[in-house]
Amino acid sequence: MTALDFLGKELNVGDDVVFVQLSYRNLLKGTIKKITPKTLIISHERTNVGGTETKQFHDQVIKI
């Protein structure tokens, strides 16, 4: 299984990515913690709703 970001770049655990905060229009920067066949678990700074991890589909992030 190869996970690809929005631009087609390969994603790996430990990569830094940019993504849109769920239910908001804020861009967040985080680090991939886990990759599943369909989603990523991303670790990031605490948000305004208090979370430090977010789940996103592979093509909902951009590798930086």
C-alpha atoms as a PDB file:
ATOM      1  CA  MET A   1       0.000   0.000   0.000  1.00  0.00           C
ATOM      2  CA  THR A   2       1.360   3.392  -0.989  1.00  0.00           C
ATOM      3  CA  ALA A   3      -0.298   6.434   0.571  1.00  0.00           C
ATOM      4  CA  LEU A   4      -0.230   9.533  -1.656  1.00  0.00           C
ATOM      5  CA  ASP A   5      -1.000  13.120  -0.675  1.00  0.00           C
ATOM      6  CA  PHE A   6      -3.142  15.604  -2.658  1.00  0.00           C
ATOM      7  CA  LEU A   7      -0.207  16.354  -4.999  1.00  0.00           C
ATOM      8  CA  GLY A   8       0.715  12.691  -5.517  1.00  0.00           C
ATOM      9  CA  LYS A   9       3.733  12.627  -3.180  1.00  0.00           C
ATOM     10  CA  GLU A  10       4.334   9.441  -1.194  1.00  0.00           C
ATOM     11  CA  LEU A  11       3.487   9.685   2.526  1.00  0.00           C
ATOM     12  CA  ASN A  12       5.380   7.948   5.334  1.00  0.00           C
ATOM     13  CA  VAL A  13       5.195   7.911   9.130  1.00  0.00           C
ATOM     14  CA  GLY A  14       7.139  10.911  10.454  1.00  0.00           C
ATOM     15  CA  ASP A  15       6.439  13.170   7.460  1.00  0.00           C
ATOM     16  CA  ASP A  16       5.308  16.751   8.140  1.00  0.00           C
ATOM     17  CA  VAL A  17       2.026  17.684   6.457  1.00  0.00           C
ATOM     18  CA  VAL A  18      -0.411  20.580   6.165  1.00  0.00           C
ATOM     19  CA  PHE A  19      -4.180  19.971   6.385  1.00  0.00           C
ATOM     20  CA  VAL A  20      -7.477  21.751   7.047  1.00  0.00           C
ATOM     21  CA  GLN A  21      -8.821  21.403  10.594  1.00  0.00           C
ATOM     22  CA  LEU A  22     -12.015  19.332  10.593  1.00  0.00           C
ATOM     23  CA  SER A  23     -15.196  21.477  10.675  1.00  0.00           C
ATOM     24  CA  TYR A  24     -13.099  24.680  10.415  1.00  0.00           C
ATOM     25  CA  ARG A  25     -11.212  26.639   7.750  1.00  0.00           C
ATOM     26  CA  ASN A  26      -7.903  26.701   9.632  1.00  0.00           C
ATOM     27  CA  LEU A  27      -4.745  25.211   8.171  1.00  0.00           C
ATOM     28  CA  LEU A  28      -2.739  23.121  10.613  1.00  0.00           C
ATOM     29  CA  LYS A  29       0.741  21.626  10.459  1.00  0.00           C
ATOM     30  CA  GLY A  30       1.332  18.181  11.897  1.00  0.00           C
ATOM     31  CA  THR A  31       3.340  14.971  11.718  1.00  0.00           C
ATOM     32  CA  ILE A  32       2.022  11.632  10.473  1.00  0.00           C
ATOM     33  CA  LYS A  33       1.819   9.218  13.397  1.00  0.00           C
ATOM     34  CA  LYS A  34       0.100   6.241  11.733  1.00  0.00           C
ATOM     35  CA  ILE A  35      -0.988   5.234   8.235  1.00  0.00           C
ATOM     36  CA  THR A  36      -3.939   2.917   7.600  1.00  0.00           C
ATOM     37  CA  PRO A  37      -5.177   1.734   4.175  1.00  0.00           C
ATOM     38  CA  LYS A  38      -7.552   4.729   3.887  1.00  0.00           C
ATOM     39  CA  THR A  39      -6.589   7.300   6.532  1.00  0.00           C
ATOM     40  CA  LEU A  40      -3.760   8.977   8.425  1.00  0.00           C
ATOM     41  CA  ILE A  41      -3.476   9.782  12.109  1.00  0.00           C
ATOM     42  CA  ILE A  42      -1.755  13.161  12.429  1.00  0.00           C
ATOM     43  CA  SER A  43      -0.195  14.505  15.630  1.00  0.00           C
ATOM     44  CA  HIS A  44      -0.261  18.316  15.997  1.00  0.00           C
ATOM     45  CA  GLU A  45      -0.359  21.161  18.513  1.00  0.00           C
ATOM     46  CA  ARG A  46      -3.482  21.506  20.664  1.00  0.00           C
ATOM     47  CA  THR A  47      -6.315  23.125  18.684  1.00  0.00           C
ATOM     48  CA  ASN A  48      -9.073  25.478  19.807  1.00  0.00           C
ATOM     49  CA  VAL A  49     -11.233  22.403  20.485  1.00  0.00           C
ATOM     50  CA  GLY A  50      -8.518  20.764  22.596  1.00  0.00           C
ATOM     51  CA  GLY A  51      -7.429  17.847  20.405  1.00  0.00           C
ATOM     52  CA  THR A  52      -3.836  16.912  19.565  1.00  0.00           C
ATOM     53  CA  GLU A  53      -4.557  14.214  16.947  1.00  0.00           C
ATOM     54  CA  THR A  54      -6.608  14.291  13.756  1.00  0.00           C
ATOM     55  CA  LYS A  55      -7.710  11.616  11.293  1.00  0.00           C
ATOM     56  CA  GLN A  56      -7.610  12.573   7.591  1.00  0.00           C
ATOM     57  CA  PHE A  57      -7.858  10.712   4.278  1.00  0.00           C
ATOM     58  CA  HIS A  58      -4.561  10.443   2.390  1.00  0.00           C
ATOM     59  CA  ASP A  59      -5.534  13.001  -0.264  1.00  0.00           C
ATOM     60  CA  GLN A  60      -6.657  15.585   2.311  1.00  0.00           C
ATOM     61  CA  VAL A  61      -3.086  16.497   3.259  1.00  0.00           C
ATOM     62  CA  ILE A  62      -0.073  18.054   1.529  1.00  0.00           C
ATOM     63  CA  LYS A  63       3.430  16.859   2.418  1.00  0.00           C
ATOM     64  CA  ILE A  64       5.864  19.697   3.235  1.00  0.00           C
END
